[in-house]
Amino acid sequence: MTGLDEELVRRALGEADSAGLSDLEIFPEIESTNSYLIQHSGPEPGRFRVAASDNQTAGRGRHGRTWQSPPGSGLCLSMAYTFALSPENLPALTLAIGLGVIDKLGELGIDGVQLKWPNDLIAMDGKLGGILTEAQARPSGAVTVVTGIGLNVDLPERLDFGLETDWARRIVDLRSYVGDVPSREALAACLIRGLRQTFVTYETRGFGAFAERWADYDWLSGRELTIDTPQRQVTGIGAGVAADGALLVATESAGLQRITSGSVVMAGIRESVS
């Protein structure tokens, strides 16, 4: 399996979607695309920088988890974007990114992908990918955001996920989901478009531009949930997200509850969502 071809990514991206691109770096192997961009200076406001690889050796998920990506089996891509001023409700940006990615995957014929609050891409009730967003404030008031996306493309049949989480038994790749998988260069261009357009829209309109659409892709909606929060345990039915991106759970005893951090227990699966 050959690595990503930078020239083919640029061709797939096109001139219009390359506007504002400060740098595009493709690595045959890298520890973490997110870590790499965080360690370097962010782009100027309104511009973006991209790092990508199909062989990430020390990828990071939320809460210090690892994102495992055997060579040639997935696509790991991160984008750094600088907001001139920190947008309102920055934590909800990850939810908006999920919607932007789903839109662009649909343009490649990859339909039906759903979102598990706050940062998982779901297909066939399994984890297809994940999103990690990290922010760095600047003295000027600007903020550079680095968002990484890990996408399972063609995983080995016998892949040992070790002690990741119970999601290890529910991992899905594009090969099993759609069969005829687009090239990794086309997928990389797709993710770049989704990230760039989401950043630009979020900068001017915030999460309000995305909130109503979340219900169309909400994998937790209508499911029985038990959530352990730092204060208490909440049991009920997934009821979408609030206008600010908080998870909503309808309970019998206390009505509609807002969840901003905790661990969701569902069908024997436990996944942290703080």
C-alpha atoms as a PDB file:
ATOM      1  CA  MET A   1       0.000   0.000   0.000  1.00  0.00           C
ATOM      2  CA  THR A   2       1.589   3.262  -1.115  1.00  0.00           C
ATOM      3  CA  GLY A   3       1.205   6.392   0.968  1.00  0.00           C
ATOM      4  CA  LEU A   4      -0.774   9.494   0.217  1.00  0.00           C
ATOM      5  CA  ASP A   5       0.315  11.458  -2.850  1.00  0.00           C
ATOM      6  CA  GLU A   6       0.472  15.181  -2.116  1.00  0.00           C
ATOM      7  CA  GLU A   7       0.088  16.235  -5.738  1.00  0.00           C
ATOM      8  CA  LEU A   8      -3.008  14.069  -6.160  1.00  0.00           C
ATOM      9  CA  VAL A   9      -4.510  15.559  -2.988  1.00  0.00           C
ATOM     10  CA  ARG A  10      -3.933  19.061  -4.374  1.00  0.00           C
ATOM     11  CA  ARG A  11      -5.536  18.111  -7.683  1.00  0.00           C
ATOM     12  CA  ALA A  12      -8.535  16.596  -5.928  1.00  0.00           C
ATOM     13  CA  LEU A  13      -8.836  19.693  -3.785  1.00  0.00           C
ATOM     14  CA  GLY A  14      -8.900  22.109  -6.691  1.00  0.00           C
ATOM     15  CA  GLU A  15      -7.955  25.776  -6.909  1.00  0.00           C
ATOM     16  CA  ALA A  16     -11.041  27.196  -5.212  1.00  0.00           C
ATOM     17  CA  ASP A  17     -10.785  24.980  -2.133  1.00  0.00           C
ATOM     18  CA  SER A  18      -7.041  25.631  -1.924  1.00  0.00           C
ATOM     19  CA  ALA A  19      -7.668  29.350  -1.320  1.00  0.00           C
ATOM     20  CA  GLY A  20      -6.265  30.236   2.086  1.00  0.00           C
ATOM     21  CA  LEU A  21      -4.140  27.080   2.324  1.00  0.00           C
ATOM     22  CA  SER A  22      -0.851  28.049   3.946  1.00  0.00           C
ATOM     23  CA  ASP A  23       0.684  24.584   3.884  1.00  0.00           C
ATOM     24  CA  LEU A  24      -0.206  21.003   3.032  1.00  0.00           C
ATOM     25  CA  GLU A  25       2.149  18.351   4.409  1.00  0.00           C
ATOM     26  CA  ILE A  26       1.797  14.640   3.703  1.00  0.00           C
ATOM     27  CA  PHE A  27       3.801  12.230   5.840  1.00  0.00           C
ATOM     28  CA  PRO A  28       4.557   8.578   5.050  1.00  0.00           C
ATOM     29  CA  GLU A  29       4.582   8.097   8.819  1.00  0.00           C
ATOM     30  CA  ILE A  30       3.960  10.412  11.764  1.00  0.00           C
ATOM     31  CA  GLU A  31       3.267  10.053  15.464  1.00  0.00           C
ATOM     32  CA  SER A  32       0.232  12.365  15.440  1.00  0.00           C
ATOM     33  CA  THR A  33      -0.974  14.904  12.894  1.00  0.00           C
ATOM     34  CA  ASN A  34      -2.669  16.906  15.653  1.00  0.00           C
ATOM     35  CA  SER A  35       0.455  16.988  17.810  1.00  0.00           C
ATOM     36  CA  TYR A  36       2.536  18.034  14.823  1.00  0.00           C
ATOM     37  CA  LEU A  37       0.368  21.059  14.034  1.00  0.00           C
ATOM     38  CA  ILE A  38       0.092  22.068  17.688  1.00  0.00           C
ATOM     39  CA  GLN A  39       3.880  22.103  17.961  1.00  0.00           C
ATOM     40  CA  HIS A  40       4.177  24.561  15.064  1.00  0.00           C
ATOM     41  CA  SER A  41       3.018  28.124  14.655  1.00  0.00           C
ATOM     42  CA  GLY A  42      -0.612  28.452  13.639  1.00  0.00           C
ATOM     43  CA  PRO A  43      -1.565  30.073  10.337  1.00  0.00           C
ATOM     44  CA  GLU A  44      -2.589  33.693  10.129  1.00  0.00           C
ATOM     45  CA  PRO A  45      -6.281  34.455  10.792  1.00  0.00           C
ATOM     46  CA  GLY A  46      -8.535  33.157   8.070  1.00  0.00           C
ATOM     47  CA  ARG A  47      -5.917  30.783   6.675  1.00  0.00           C
ATOM     48  CA  PHE A  48      -5.415  27.085   7.305  1.00  0.00           C
ATOM     49  CA  ARG A  49      -2.681  24.469   7.445  1.00  0.00           C
ATOM     50  CA  VAL A  50      -3.043  20.714   6.906  1.00  0.00           C
ATOM     51  CA  ALA A  51      -1.054  17.629   7.924  1.00  0.00           C
ATOM     52  CA  ALA A  52      -2.078  14.123   6.856  1.00  0.00           C
ATOM     53  CA  SER A  53      -0.862  10.536   6.825  1.00  0.00           C
ATOM     54  CA  ASP A  54      -2.122   6.990   6.387  1.00  0.00           C
ATOM     55  CA  ASN A  55       0.377   5.723   8.963  1.00  0.00           C
ATOM     56  CA  GLN A  56      -0.011   7.367  12.378  1.00  0.00           C
ATOM     57  CA  THR A  57       1.978   5.679  15.120  1.00  0.00           C
ATOM     58  CA  ALA A  58       0.898   7.600  18.233  1.00  0.00           C
ATOM     59  CA  GLY A  59      -2.459   9.122  17.400  1.00  0.00           C
ATOM     60  CA  ARG A  60      -4.452  10.677  20.199  1.00  0.00           C
ATOM     61  CA  GLY A  61      -8.133  10.505  20.981  1.00  0.00           C
ATOM     62  CA  ARG A  62     -10.057  12.315  23.679  1.00  0.00           C
ATOM     63  CA  HIS A  63      -9.031  11.950  27.343  1.00  0.00           C
ATOM     64  CA  GLY A  64      -5.603  10.598  26.448  1.00  0.00           C
ATOM     65  CA  ARG A  65      -6.865   7.576  24.532  1.00  0.00           C
ATOM     66  CA  THR A  66      -4.878   6.333  21.561  1.00  0.00           C
ATOM     67  CA  TRP A  67      -6.170   6.330  18.001  1.00  0.00           C
ATOM     68  CA  GLN A  68      -4.807   3.178  16.400  1.00  0.00           C
ATOM     69  CA  SER A  69      -4.149   3.325  12.660  1.00  0.00           C
ATOM     70  CA  PRO A  70      -2.116   0.416  11.238  1.00  0.00           C
ATOM     71  CA  PRO A  71      -0.087   1.391   8.139  1.00  0.00           C
ATOM     72  CA  GLY A  72      -2.306   1.938   5.112  1.00  0.00           C
ATOM     73  CA  SER A  73      -5.531   1.063   6.944  1.00  0.00           C
ATOM     74  CA  GLY A  74      -6.904   4.513   7.605  1.00  0.00           C
ATOM     75  CA  LEU A  75      -6.599   8.222   7.012  1.00  0.00           C
ATOM     76  CA  CYS A  76      -5.481  10.675   9.673  1.00  0.00           C
ATOM     77  CA  LEU A  77      -5.792  14.349   8.785  1.00  0.00           C
ATOM     78  CA  SER A  78      -5.566  17.490  10.886  1.00  0.00           C
ATOM     79  CA  MET A  79      -6.237  21.121  10.052  1.00  0.00           C
ATOM     80  CA  ALA A  80      -5.098  24.220  11.921  1.00  0.00           C
ATOM     81  CA  TYR A  81      -7.255  27.318  11.497  1.00  0.00           C
ATOM     82  CA  THR A  82      -6.916  30.672  13.251  1.00  0.00           C
ATOM     83  CA  PHE A  83      -9.995  32.629  14.293  1.00  0.00           C
ATOM     84  CA  ALA A  84      -9.301  36.367  14.563  1.00  0.00           C
ATOM     85  CA  LEU A  85     -11.381  36.310  17.759  1.00  0.00           C
ATOM     86  CA  SER A  86     -12.453  33.264  19.708  1.00  0.00           C
ATOM     87  CA  PRO A  87     -15.946  32.343  18.479  1.00  0.00           C
ATOM     88  CA  GLU A  88     -18.806  32.021  20.919  1.00  0.00           C
ATOM     89  CA  ASN A  89     -19.311  28.506  22.286  1.00  0.00           C
ATOM     90  CA  LEU A  90     -16.056  27.102  20.926  1.00  0.00           C
ATOM     91  CA  PRO A  91     -16.596  23.651  22.569  1.00  0.00           C
ATOM     92  CA  ALA A  92     -19.515  22.956  20.216  1.00  0.00           C
ATOM     93  CA  LEU A  93     -17.225  23.325  17.187  1.00  0.00           C
ATOM     94  CA  THR A  94     -16.515  19.570  17.244  1.00  0.00           C
ATOM     95  CA  LEU A  95     -20.234  18.856  16.730  1.00  0.00           C
ATOM     96  CA  ALA A  96     -20.313  21.228  13.761  1.00  0.00           C
ATOM     97  CA  ILE A  97     -17.205  19.580  12.295  1.00  0.00           C
ATOM     98  CA  GLY A  98     -18.999  16.234  12.348  1.00  0.00           C
ATOM     99  CA  LEU A  99     -21.829  17.658  10.265  1.00  0.00           C
ATOM    100  CA  GLY A 100     -19.407  19.253   7.809  1.00  0.00           C
ATOM    101  CA  VAL A 101     -17.560  15.965   7.321  1.00  0.00           C
ATOM    102  CA  ILE A 102     -20.790  14.029   6.762  1.00  0.00           C
ATOM    103  CA  ASP A 103     -21.843  16.523   4.078  1.00  0.00           C
ATOM    104  CA  LYS A 104     -18.606  16.039   2.140  1.00  0.00           C
ATOM    105  CA  LEU A 105     -18.600  12.257   2.537  1.00  0.00           C
ATOM    106  CA  GLY A 106     -22.057  12.318   0.960  1.00  0.00           C
ATOM    107  CA  GLU A 107     -20.615  14.071  -2.073  1.00  0.00           C
ATOM    108  CA  LEU A 108     -18.350  11.034  -2.532  1.00  0.00           C
ATOM    109  CA  GLY A 109     -21.339   8.703  -2.369  1.00  0.00           C
ATOM    110  CA  ILE A 110     -20.744   7.715   1.260  1.00  0.00           C
ATOM    111  CA  ASP A 111     -24.235   8.227   2.660  1.00  0.00           C
ATOM    112  CA  GLY A 112     -25.968   7.299   5.881  1.00  0.00           C
ATOM    113  CA  VAL A 113     -23.145   8.136   8.292  1.00  0.00           C
ATOM    114  CA  GLN A 114     -24.398   9.274  11.707  1.00  0.00           C
ATOM    115  CA  LEU A 115     -22.945  11.148  14.672  1.00  0.00           C
ATOM    116  CA  LYS A 116     -22.531  10.018  18.254  1.00  0.00           C
ATOM    117  CA  TRP A 117     -22.305  13.012  20.547  1.00  0.00           C
ATOM    118  CA  PRO A 118     -19.902  14.636  20.698  1.00  0.00           C
ATOM    119  CA  ASN A 119     -17.177  13.370  18.384  1.00  0.00           C
ATOM    120  CA  ASP A 120     -17.757   9.960  16.764  1.00  0.00           C
ATOM    121  CA  LEU A 121     -18.658   9.109  13.170  1.00  0.00           C
ATOM    122  CA  ILE A 122     -20.977   6.067  13.120  1.00  0.00           C
ATOM    123  CA  ALA A 123     -21.824   3.574  10.369  1.00  0.00           C
ATOM    124  CA  MET A 124     -23.674   0.277  10.771  1.00  0.00           C
ATOM    125  CA  ASP A 125     -23.847   1.002  14.521  1.00  0.00           C
ATOM    126  CA  GLY A 126     -20.046   0.951  14.703  1.00  0.00           C
ATOM    127  CA  LYS A 127     -17.326   3.550  14.988  1.00  0.00           C
ATOM    128  CA  LEU A 128     -16.145   4.664  11.557  1.00  0.00           C
ATOM    129  CA  GLY A 129     -14.050   7.576  12.772  1.00  0.00           C
ATOM    130  CA  GLY A 130     -13.418  10.143  15.441  1.00  0.00           C
ATOM    131  CA  ILE A 131     -12.792  13.867  15.785  1.00  0.00           C
ATOM    132  CA  LEU A 132     -10.415  15.628  18.183  1.00  0.00           C
ATOM    133  CA  THR A 133     -10.382  19.424  18.529  1.00  0.00           C
ATOM    134  CA  GLU A 134      -7.765  21.368  20.491  1.00  0.00           C
ATOM    135  CA  ALA A 135      -7.427  25.141  20.855  1.00  0.00           C
ATOM    136  CA  GLN A 136      -4.552  27.500  21.573  1.00  0.00           C
ATOM    137  CA  ALA A 137      -5.261  31.103  22.557  1.00  0.00           C
ATOM    138  CA  ARG A 138      -3.022  33.909  21.320  1.00  0.00           C
ATOM    139  CA  PRO A 139      -2.174  37.112  23.224  1.00  0.00           C
ATOM    140  CA  SER A 140      -3.903  39.148  20.500  1.00  0.00           C
ATOM    141  CA  GLY A 141      -7.242  37.509  21.274  1.00  0.00           C
ATOM    142  CA  ALA A 142      -7.052  35.225  18.254  1.00  0.00           C
ATOM    143  CA  VAL A 143      -7.325  31.477  18.769  1.00  0.00           C
ATOM    144  CA  THR A 144      -5.808  28.712  16.678  1.00  0.00           C
ATOM    145  CA  VAL A 145      -7.873  25.531  16.542  1.00  0.00           C
ATOM    146  CA  VAL A 146      -6.428  22.195  15.473  1.00  0.00           C
ATOM    147  CA  THR A 147      -8.995  19.562  14.523  1.00  0.00           C
ATOM    148  CA  GLY A 148      -7.951  16.036  13.685  1.00  0.00           C
ATOM    149  CA  ILE A 149     -10.069  13.379  11.994  1.00  0.00           C
ATOM    150  CA  GLY A 150      -9.257   9.694  12.052  1.00  0.00           C
ATOM    151  CA  LEU A 151     -11.144   7.647   9.476  1.00  0.00           C
ATOM    152  CA  ASN A 152     -11.069   3.846   9.209  1.00  0.00           C
ATOM    153  CA  VAL A 153     -10.649   2.979   5.524  1.00  0.00           C
ATOM    154  CA  ASP A 154      -9.588  -0.666   5.144  1.00  0.00           C
ATOM    155  CA  LEU A 155      -8.718  -2.369   8.435  1.00  0.00           C
ATOM    156  CA  PRO A 156      -7.011  -5.758   8.695  1.00  0.00           C
ATOM    157  CA  GLU A 157      -9.448  -8.564   9.444  1.00  0.00           C
ATOM    158  CA  ARG A 158      -7.538  -9.607  12.548  1.00  0.00           C
ATOM    159  CA  LEU A 159      -6.787  -6.324  14.245  1.00  0.00           C
ATOM    160  CA  ASP A 160      -6.125  -6.318  17.970  1.00  0.00           C
ATOM    161  CA  PHE A 161      -7.382  -3.052  19.472  1.00  0.00           C
ATOM    162  CA  GLY A 162      -5.926  -3.963  22.852  1.00  0.00           C
ATOM    163  CA  LEU A 163      -7.501  -2.258  25.848  1.00  0.00           C
ATOM    164  CA  GLU A 164      -8.997   0.695  23.969  1.00  0.00           C
ATOM    165  CA  THR A 165     -12.675   0.654  25.003  1.00  0.00           C
ATOM    166  CA  ASP A 166     -15.736  -1.480  24.408  1.00  0.00           C
ATOM    167  CA  TRP A 167     -15.967   0.318  21.058  1.00  0.00           C
ATOM    168  CA  ALA A 168     -13.158  -1.988  19.938  1.00  0.00           C
ATOM    169  CA  ARG A 169     -15.826  -4.616  19.293  1.00  0.00           C
ATOM    170  CA  ARG A 170     -17.759  -2.158  17.116  1.00  0.00           C
ATOM    171  CA  ILE A 171     -15.134  -0.806  14.749  1.00  0.00           C
ATOM    172  CA  VAL A 172     -16.270  -0.265  11.139  1.00  0.00           C
ATOM    173  CA  ASP A 173     -14.267   0.661   8.053  1.00  0.00           C
ATOM    174  CA  LEU A 174     -15.286   2.185   4.748  1.00  0.00           C
ATOM    175  CA  ARG A 175     -14.454  -1.014   2.875  1.00  0.00           C
ATOM    176  CA  SER A 176     -17.090  -2.976   4.788  1.00  0.00           C
ATOM    177  CA  TYR A 177     -19.553  -0.080   4.663  1.00  0.00           C
ATOM    178  CA  VAL A 178     -19.504   0.986   1.015  1.00  0.00           C
ATOM    179  CA  GLY A 179     -17.325  -1.597  -0.711  1.00  0.00           C
ATOM    180  CA  ASP A 180     -16.001   0.634  -3.495  1.00  0.00           C
ATOM    181  CA  VAL A 181     -13.872   3.041  -1.470  1.00  0.00           C
ATOM    182  CA  PRO A 182     -12.740   6.366  -2.978  1.00  0.00           C
ATOM    183  CA  SER A 183      -9.000   6.954  -3.182  1.00  0.00           C
ATOM    184  CA  ARG A 184      -7.339   8.233  -0.040  1.00  0.00           C
ATOM    185  CA  GLU A 185      -6.448  11.411  -1.920  1.00  0.00           C
ATOM    186  CA  ALA A 186     -10.136  12.005  -2.700  1.00  0.00           C
ATOM    187  CA  LEU A 187     -11.002  11.312   0.936  1.00  0.00           C
ATOM    188  CA  ALA A 188      -8.305  13.704   2.141  1.00  0.00           C
ATOM    189  CA  ALA A 189      -9.604  16.463  -0.135  1.00  0.00           C
ATOM    190  CA  CYS A 190     -13.125  15.731   1.110  1.00  0.00           C
ATOM    191  CA  LEU A 191     -12.071  16.160   4.751  1.00  0.00           C
ATOM    192  CA  ILE A 192     -10.169  19.358   3.978  1.00  0.00           C
ATOM    193  CA  ARG A 193     -13.240  20.863   2.312  1.00  0.00           C
ATOM    194  CA  GLY A 194     -15.484  19.875   5.193  1.00  0.00           C
ATOM    195  CA  LEU A 195     -13.150  21.291   7.823  1.00  0.00           C
ATOM    196  CA  ARG A 196     -12.442  24.530   5.963  1.00  0.00           C
ATOM    197  CA  GLN A 197     -16.072  25.303   5.214  1.00  0.00           C
ATOM    198  CA  THR A 198     -17.115  24.503   8.766  1.00  0.00           C
ATOM    199  CA  PHE A 199     -14.456  26.763  10.264  1.00  0.00           C
ATOM    200  CA  VAL A 200     -15.454  29.659   8.010  1.00  0.00           C
ATOM    201  CA  THR A 201     -19.178  29.269   8.757  1.00  0.00           C
ATOM    202  CA  TYR A 202     -18.601  28.818  12.480  1.00  0.00           C
ATOM    203  CA  GLU A 203     -16.521  31.986  12.638  1.00  0.00           C
ATOM    204  CA  THR A 204     -19.428  34.129  11.441  1.00  0.00           C
ATOM    205  CA  ARG A 205     -22.520  32.193  12.595  1.00  0.00           C
ATOM    206  CA  GLY A 206     -21.434  29.906  15.444  1.00  0.00           C
ATOM    207  CA  PHE A 207     -23.155  26.656  16.357  1.00  0.00           C
ATOM    208  CA  GLY A 208     -26.527  28.174  15.525  1.00  0.00           C
ATOM    209  CA  ALA A 209     -25.805  27.486  11.851  1.00  0.00           C
ATOM    210  CA  PHE A 210     -25.596  23.753  12.603  1.00  0.00           C
ATOM    211  CA  ALA A 211     -27.792  23.024  15.645  1.00  0.00           C
ATOM    212  CA  GLU A 212     -31.041  22.232  13.824  1.00  0.00           C
ATOM    213  CA  ARG A 213     -29.344  19.741  11.491  1.00  0.00           C
ATOM    214  CA  TRP A 214     -27.885  17.653  14.310  1.00  0.00           C
ATOM    215  CA  ALA A 215     -31.180  15.780  14.756  1.00  0.00           C
ATOM    216  CA  ASP A 216     -30.910  14.373  11.210  1.00  0.00           C
ATOM    217  CA  TYR A 217     -27.755  12.446  12.128  1.00  0.00           C
ATOM    218  CA  ASP A 218     -28.113  11.919  15.894  1.00  0.00           C
ATOM    219  CA  TRP A 219     -27.277   8.278  16.630  1.00  0.00           C
ATOM    220  CA  LEU A 220     -28.147   8.621  20.337  1.00  0.00           C
ATOM    221  CA  SER A 221     -31.634   9.992  19.739  1.00  0.00           C
ATOM    222  CA  GLY A 222     -34.302   7.688  21.147  1.00  0.00           C
ATOM    223  CA  ARG A 223     -31.816   5.284  22.720  1.00  0.00           C
ATOM    224  CA  GLU A 224     -31.915   4.304  26.377  1.00  0.00           C
ATOM    225  CA  LEU A 225     -28.960   5.911  28.106  1.00  0.00           C
ATOM    226  CA  THR A 226     -27.419   5.792  31.530  1.00  0.00           C
ATOM    227  CA  ILE A 227     -24.912   8.565  32.082  1.00  0.00           C
ATOM    228  CA  ASP A 228     -22.479   8.800  34.961  1.00  0.00           C
ATOM    229  CA  THR A 229     -21.637  12.446  35.569  1.00  0.00           C
ATOM    230  CA  PRO A 230     -19.277  13.824  38.223  1.00  0.00           C
ATOM    231  CA  GLN A 231     -22.323  14.723  40.344  1.00  0.00           C
ATOM    232  CA  ARG A 232     -24.848  11.951  39.737  1.00  0.00           C
ATOM    233  CA  GLN A 233     -26.133   9.216  37.475  1.00  0.00           C
ATOM    234  CA  VAL A 234     -28.754  10.092  34.875  1.00  0.00           C
ATOM    235  CA  THR A 235     -30.932   7.493  33.163  1.00  0.00           C
ATOM    236  CA  GLY A 236     -33.309   8.255  30.326  1.00  0.00           C
ATOM    237  CA  ILE A 237     -33.764   8.532  26.577  1.00  0.00           C
ATOM    238  CA  GLY A 238     -31.508  10.459  24.227  1.00  0.00           C
ATOM    239  CA  ALA A 239     -33.385  13.613  23.212  1.00  0.00           C
ATOM    240  CA  GLY A 240     -31.002  15.445  20.914  1.00  0.00           C
ATOM    241  CA  VAL A 241     -28.776  18.399  21.708  1.00  0.00           C
ATOM    242  CA  ALA A 242     -29.474  21.852  23.081  1.00  0.00           C
ATOM    243  CA  ALA A 243     -28.828  25.061  21.168  1.00  0.00           C
ATOM    244  CA  ASP A 244     -25.367  25.206  22.753  1.00  0.00           C
ATOM    245  CA  GLY A 245     -24.502  21.590  21.915  1.00  0.00           C
ATOM    246  CA  ALA A 246     -25.184  20.003  25.314  1.00  0.00           C
ATOM    247  CA  LEU A 247     -26.584  16.459  25.212  1.00  0.00           C
ATOM    248  CA  LEU A 248     -30.242  16.257  26.245  1.00  0.00           C
ATOM    249  CA  VAL A 249     -31.656  13.250  28.081  1.00  0.00           C
ATOM    250  CA  ALA A 250     -35.359  12.822  28.865  1.00  0.00           C
ATOM    251  CA  THR A 251     -35.783  11.244  32.311  1.00  0.00           C
ATOM    252  CA  GLU A 252     -38.911  10.036  34.094  1.00  0.00           C
ATOM    253  CA  SER A 253     -38.011  11.500  37.468  1.00  0.00           C
ATOM    254  CA  ALA A 254     -36.443  14.853  36.616  1.00  0.00           C
ATOM    255  CA  GLY A 255     -37.622  15.737  33.136  1.00  0.00           C
ATOM    256  CA  LEU A 256     -35.179  16.914  30.488  1.00  0.00           C
ATOM    257  CA  GLN A 257     -31.564  16.923  31.666  1.00  0.00           C
ATOM    258  CA  ARG A 258     -28.568  18.690  30.116  1.00  0.00           C
ATOM    259  CA  ILE A 259     -25.304  16.747  29.992  1.00  0.00           C
ATOM    260  CA  THR A 260     -22.028  18.504  29.308  1.00  0.00           C
ATOM    261  CA  SER A 261     -19.677  15.855  30.723  1.00  0.00           C
ATOM    262  CA  GLY A 262     -19.845  12.278  31.925  1.00  0.00           C
ATOM    263  CA  SER A 263     -19.816   8.680  30.689  1.00  0.00           C
ATOM    264  CA  VAL A 264     -22.634   7.205  28.634  1.00  0.00           C
ATOM    265  CA  VAL A 265     -23.498   3.559  29.298  1.00  0.00           C
ATOM    266  CA  MET A 266     -25.500   2.041  26.476  1.00  0.00           C
ATOM    267  CA  ALA A 267     -26.226  -1.562  25.440  1.00  0.00           C
ATOM    268  CA  GLY A 268     -23.314  -2.714  27.531  1.00  0.00           C
ATOM    269  CA  ILE A 269     -21.016  -0.096  25.987  1.00  0.00           C
ATOM    270  CA  ARG A 270     -19.404   2.633  28.069  1.00  0.00           C
ATOM    271  CA  GLU A 271     -17.972   5.665  26.335  1.00  0.00           C
ATOM    272  CA  SER A 272     -16.744   8.882  27.974  1.00  0.00           C
ATOM    273  CA  VAL A 273     -18.366  11.998  26.530  1.00  0.00           C
ATOM    274  CA  SER A 274     -16.965  14.804  28.653  1.00  0.00           C
END
